[in-house]
Amino acid sequence: VKEASSKESAGLREQLGDAMTALRVNEQVLEKMQESAESAAALIKEQEEQAKSTQTTMDSLVSTLKGSQKMVADLEGDLTQMRGELDRERLTTQQQKRLAEELKTELTEALTTLALERLDNKRLSRSMQQELEYAQKYNSELEATISQLEEERQSVRKLGRRLLGTARTKTVKTTARWTKRAKDMMRLRGRKKKKPPTVMRLTPEPVAVDHPSSF
């Protein structure tokens, strides 16, 4: 009886050892994921600083754009003034047209340059925003993974406690059952002295224990 009980307890202890090993592995994985989360947080902080720097650059470009717009306004004023001077000086129509076309070309080139600079600024801002969103998404996924690992670790701990309780309960019940059978055998032997004693097989019933993988 003691030998069978010891074997059953040894099996339960082995299962408990497997569960504790799985718990340690999950804790190591959790530590690695926490390190990855800290690295991701540092990366997000760095990208936020880059975004602030980009915002400063954009503000500077906006200021430059305003200055350029003022320059364009000044050019338009100069154009008006030159037209007035041309009118006052009574230049020929061809000369007035040529000068106006040249000024119009310069104005168009200036406006085109400003439009291209504005487009480049929008593209840069969009690219930085996408990178920041990707970093935030990656950080959210890491947090979800860490939460899942924490839940698995709690499940493994619960399984360990459950296995310990099951081992104690099954051992006590099995020992009591075998003791009762031994007493019954002794009584049968006392009643039937002339007949050979009947040998009862004291085979322990299998104990169903959930494996950690089922969790």
Protein backbone atom coordinates (compact mmCIF):
# COMPACT_ATOMS: atom_id res chain seq x y z
CA VAL A 1 0.00 0.00 0.00
CA LYS A 2 2.77 2.40 0.92
CA GLU A 3 4.69 1.53 -2.26
CA ALA A 4 1.67 2.17 -4.49
CA SER A 5 0.91 5.39 -2.64
CA SER A 6 4.55 6.47 -3.05
CA LYS A 7 4.42 5.76 -6.79
CA GLU A 8 1.26 7.79 -7.17
CA SER A 9 2.73 10.66 -5.13
CA ALA A 10 5.91 10.49 -7.22
CA GLY A 11 3.85 10.77 -10.41
CA LEU A 12 2.02 13.77 -9.06
CA ARG A 13 5.29 15.37 -7.93
CA GLU A 14 6.71 14.82 -11.41
CA GLN A 15 3.69 16.54 -12.95
CA LEU A 16 4.09 19.35 -10.45
CA GLY A 17 7.76 19.64 -11.40
CA ASP A 18 6.77 19.91 -15.08
CA ALA A 19 4.26 22.62 -14.22
CA MET A 20 6.87 24.57 -12.21
CA THR A 21 9.34 24.22 -15.12
CA ALA A 22 6.72 25.64 -17.50
CA LEU A 23 6.14 28.47 -15.01
CA ARG A 24 9.85 29.33 -14.94
CA VAL A 25 9.99 29.28 -18.76
CA ASN A 26 6.98 31.59 -18.95
CA GLU A 27 8.58 33.94 -16.41
CA GLN A 28 11.76 34.07 -18.53
CA VAL A 29 9.69 34.81 -21.64
CA LEU A 30 7.82 37.50 -19.71
CA GLU A 31 11.09 39.13 -18.66
CA LYS A 32 12.27 39.17 -22.29
CA MET A 33 8.98 40.67 -23.44
CA GLN A 34 9.23 43.34 -20.73
CA GLU A 35 12.73 44.19 -21.97
CA SER A 36 11.34 44.44 -25.52
CA ALA A 37 8.55 46.67 -24.23
CA GLU A 38 11.08 48.98 -22.55
CA SER A 39 13.09 49.12 -25.79
CA ALA A 40 9.92 49.94 -27.72
CA ALA A 41 9.06 52.67 -25.21
CA ALA A 42 12.54 54.15 -25.64
CA LEU A 43 12.09 54.00 -29.42
CA ILE A 44 8.73 55.74 -29.17
CA LYS A 45 10.25 58.43 -26.98
CA GLU A 46 13.05 58.95 -29.50
CA GLN A 47 10.58 59.15 -32.37
CA GLU A 48 8.46 61.63 -30.41
CA GLU A 49 11.55 63.79 -29.97
CA GLN A 50 12.21 63.50 -33.69
CA ALA A 51 8.60 64.46 -34.34
CA LYS A 52 9.04 67.54 -32.12
CA SER A 53 12.20 68.43 -34.02
CA THR A 54 10.33 67.97 -37.30
CA GLN A 55 7.53 70.18 -35.99
CA THR A 56 10.10 72.86 -35.16
CA THR A 57 11.51 72.55 -38.67
CA MET A 58 8.01 72.80 -40.12
CA ASP A 59 7.34 75.91 -38.05
CA SER A 60 10.54 77.40 -39.41
CA LEU A 61 9.49 76.50 -42.95
CA VAL A 62 6.08 78.06 -42.36
CA SER A 63 7.79 81.21 -41.18
CA THR A 64 9.97 81.13 -44.30
CA LEU A 65 6.86 80.60 -46.40
CA LYS A 66 5.24 83.64 -44.84
CA GLY A 67 8.38 85.63 -45.59
CA SER A 68 8.29 84.37 -49.16
CA GLN A 69 4.65 85.35 -49.45
CA LYS A 70 5.57 88.81 -48.24
CA MET A 71 8.34 88.85 -50.82
CA VAL A 72 5.81 87.89 -53.50
CA ALA A 73 3.54 90.67 -52.30
CA ASP A 74 6.48 93.06 -52.50
CA LEU A 75 7.24 91.80 -55.99
CA GLU A 76 3.65 92.36 -57.00
CA GLY A 77 3.90 95.87 -55.58
CA ASP A 78 7.11 96.41 -57.50
CA LEU A 79 5.41 95.11 -60.63
CA THR A 80 2.57 97.58 -60.17
CA GLN A 81 5.03 100.36 -59.55
CA MET A 82 7.04 99.43 -62.63
CA ARG A 83 3.90 99.33 -64.74
CA GLY A 84 3.07 102.78 -63.48
CA GLU A 85 6.53 103.96 -64.33
CA LEU A 86 6.25 102.39 -67.78
CA ASP A 87 2.97 104.12 -68.30
CA ARG A 88 4.40 107.38 -67.14
CA GLU A 89 7.44 107.01 -69.34
CA ARG A 90 5.22 106.04 -72.28
CA LEU A 91 7.24 103.10 -73.38
CA THR A 92 6.15 101.12 -76.34
CA THR A 93 3.52 98.42 -75.94
CA GLN A 94 6.00 95.71 -76.91
CA GLN A 95 8.47 96.73 -74.22
CA GLN A 96 5.71 96.82 -71.61
CA LYS A 97 4.50 93.36 -72.64
CA ARG A 98 7.98 91.83 -72.57
CA LEU A 99 8.74 93.24 -69.13
CA ALA A 100 5.36 92.08 -67.79
CA GLU A 101 5.96 88.54 -69.15
CA GLU A 102 9.37 88.39 -67.49
CA LEU A 103 7.94 89.48 -64.17
CA LYS A 104 5.07 87.01 -64.55
CA THR A 105 7.54 84.17 -65.20
CA GLU A 106 9.54 85.08 -62.11
CA LEU A 107 6.37 85.24 -60.05
CA THR A 108 5.22 81.83 -61.36
CA GLU A 109 8.60 80.27 -60.59
CA ALA A 110 8.52 81.69 -57.08
CA LEU A 111 5.00 80.38 -56.48
CA THR A 112 5.95 76.96 -57.93
CA THR A 113 8.97 76.76 -55.63
CA LEU A 114 6.82 77.62 -52.63
CA ALA A 115 4.23 75.00 -53.63
CA LEU A 116 6.92 72.31 -53.97
CA GLU A 117 8.36 73.19 -50.57
CA ARG A 118 4.89 72.95 -49.02
CA LEU A 119 4.33 69.54 -50.68
CA ASP A 120 7.68 68.23 -49.37
CA ASN A 121 6.77 69.40 -45.87
CA LYS A 122 3.42 67.57 -46.04
CA ARG A 123 5.10 64.36 -47.21
CA LEU A 124 7.67 64.55 -44.42
CA SER A 125 4.97 65.14 -41.82
CA ARG A 126 2.89 62.21 -43.15
CA SER A 127 5.90 59.87 -43.07
CA MET A 128 6.76 60.78 -39.47
CA GLN A 129 3.12 60.32 -38.45
CA GLN A 130 3.04 56.83 -40.00
CA GLU A 131 6.24 55.85 -38.18
CA LEU A 132 4.83 57.10 -34.88
CA GLU A 133 1.57 55.16 -35.41
CA TYR A 134 3.53 52.00 -36.21
CA ALA A 135 5.59 52.36 -33.02
CA GLN A 136 2.43 52.91 -30.95
CA LYS A 137 0.79 49.84 -32.54
CA TYR A 138 3.89 47.73 -31.83
CA ASN A 139 3.89 48.90 -28.21
CA SER A 140 0.19 47.97 -27.86
CA GLU A 141 0.88 44.48 -29.24
CA LEU A 142 3.74 44.03 -26.78
CA GLU A 143 1.52 45.07 -23.88
CA ALA A 144 -1.17 42.58 -25.00
CA THR A 145 1.43 39.78 -25.25
CA ILE A 146 2.78 40.59 -21.78
CA SER A 147 -0.77 40.52 -20.38
CA GLN A 148 -1.40 37.12 -22.00
CA LEU A 149 1.83 35.70 -20.57
CA GLU A 150 0.86 37.02 -17.13
CA GLU A 151 -2.49 35.21 -17.40
CA GLU A 152 -0.73 31.99 -18.43
CA ARG A 153 1.62 32.28 -15.47
CA GLN A 154 -1.35 32.67 -13.12
CA SER A 155 -2.96 29.59 -14.72
CA VAL A 156 0.21 27.54 -14.17
CA ARG A 157 0.33 28.61 -10.53
CA LYS A 158 -3.30 27.62 -10.07
CA LEU A 159 -2.54 24.27 -11.69
CA GLY A 160 0.36 23.71 -9.26
CA ARG A 161 -1.85 24.39 -6.27
CA ARG A 162 -4.56 22.17 -7.74
CA LEU A 163 -2.10 19.30 -8.30
CA LEU A 164 -0.85 19.57 -4.71
CA GLY A 165 -4.40 19.49 -3.35
CA THR A 166 -5.34 16.58 -5.63
CA ALA A 167 -2.23 14.63 -4.58
CA ARG A 168 -3.05 15.01 -0.89
CA THR A 169 -6.74 14.15 -1.34
CA LYS A 170 -6.14 11.11 -3.58
CA THR A 171 -3.39 9.77 -1.32
CA VAL A 172 -5.61 9.93 1.78
CA LYS A 173 -8.61 8.38 0.01
CA THR A 174 -6.55 5.59 -1.58
CA THR A 175 -4.87 4.72 1.72
CA ALA A 176 -8.23 4.54 3.50
CA ARG A 177 -9.71 2.34 0.75
CA TRP A 178 -6.80 -0.09 0.83
CA THR A 179 -6.91 -0.24 4.65
CA LYS A 180 -10.61 -1.14 4.50
CA ARG A 181 -9.94 -3.88 1.95
CA ALA A 182 -7.16 -5.34 4.14
CA LYS A 183 -9.53 -5.46 7.13
CA ASP A 184 -12.19 -7.16 5.00
CA MET A 185 -9.65 -9.77 3.94
CA MET A 186 -8.72 -10.44 7.56
CA ARG A 187 -12.37 -10.97 8.46
CA LEU A 188 -12.86 -13.34 5.52
CA ARG A 189 -9.85 -15.35 6.55
CA GLY A 190 -11.22 -15.64 10.09
CA ARG A 191 -14.58 -16.98 8.84
CA LYS A 192 -13.20 -19.44 6.26
CA LYS A 193 -10.27 -21.18 7.96
CA LYS A 194 -10.75 -24.46 6.07
CA LYS A 195 -10.72 -22.84 2.66
CA PRO A 196 -7.64 -21.28 1.14
CA PRO A 197 -7.65 -17.56 1.57
CA THR A 198 -8.87 -15.54 -1.33
CA VAL A 199 -6.20 -13.14 -2.54
CA MET A 200 -7.61 -9.82 -3.51
CA ARG A 201 -5.77 -7.69 -6.01
CA LEU A 202 -5.01 -4.33 -4.49
CA THR A 203 -4.50 -2.56 -7.78
CA PRO A 204 -4.79 1.20 -7.30
CA GLU A 205 -7.35 2.91 -9.43
CA PRO A 206 -5.92 5.33 -11.99
CA VAL A 207 -6.04 8.94 -10.91
CA ALA A 208 -7.06 11.40 -13.61
CA VAL A 209 -4.88 14.49 -13.39
CA ASP A 210 -5.13 17.31 -15.88
CA HIS A 211 -1.93 17.97 -17.76
CA PRO A 212 -0.61 21.55 -17.78
CA SER A 213 -0.90 21.64 -21.57
CA SER A 214 -4.71 21.40 -21.28
CA PHE A 215 -4.68 24.90 -19.82
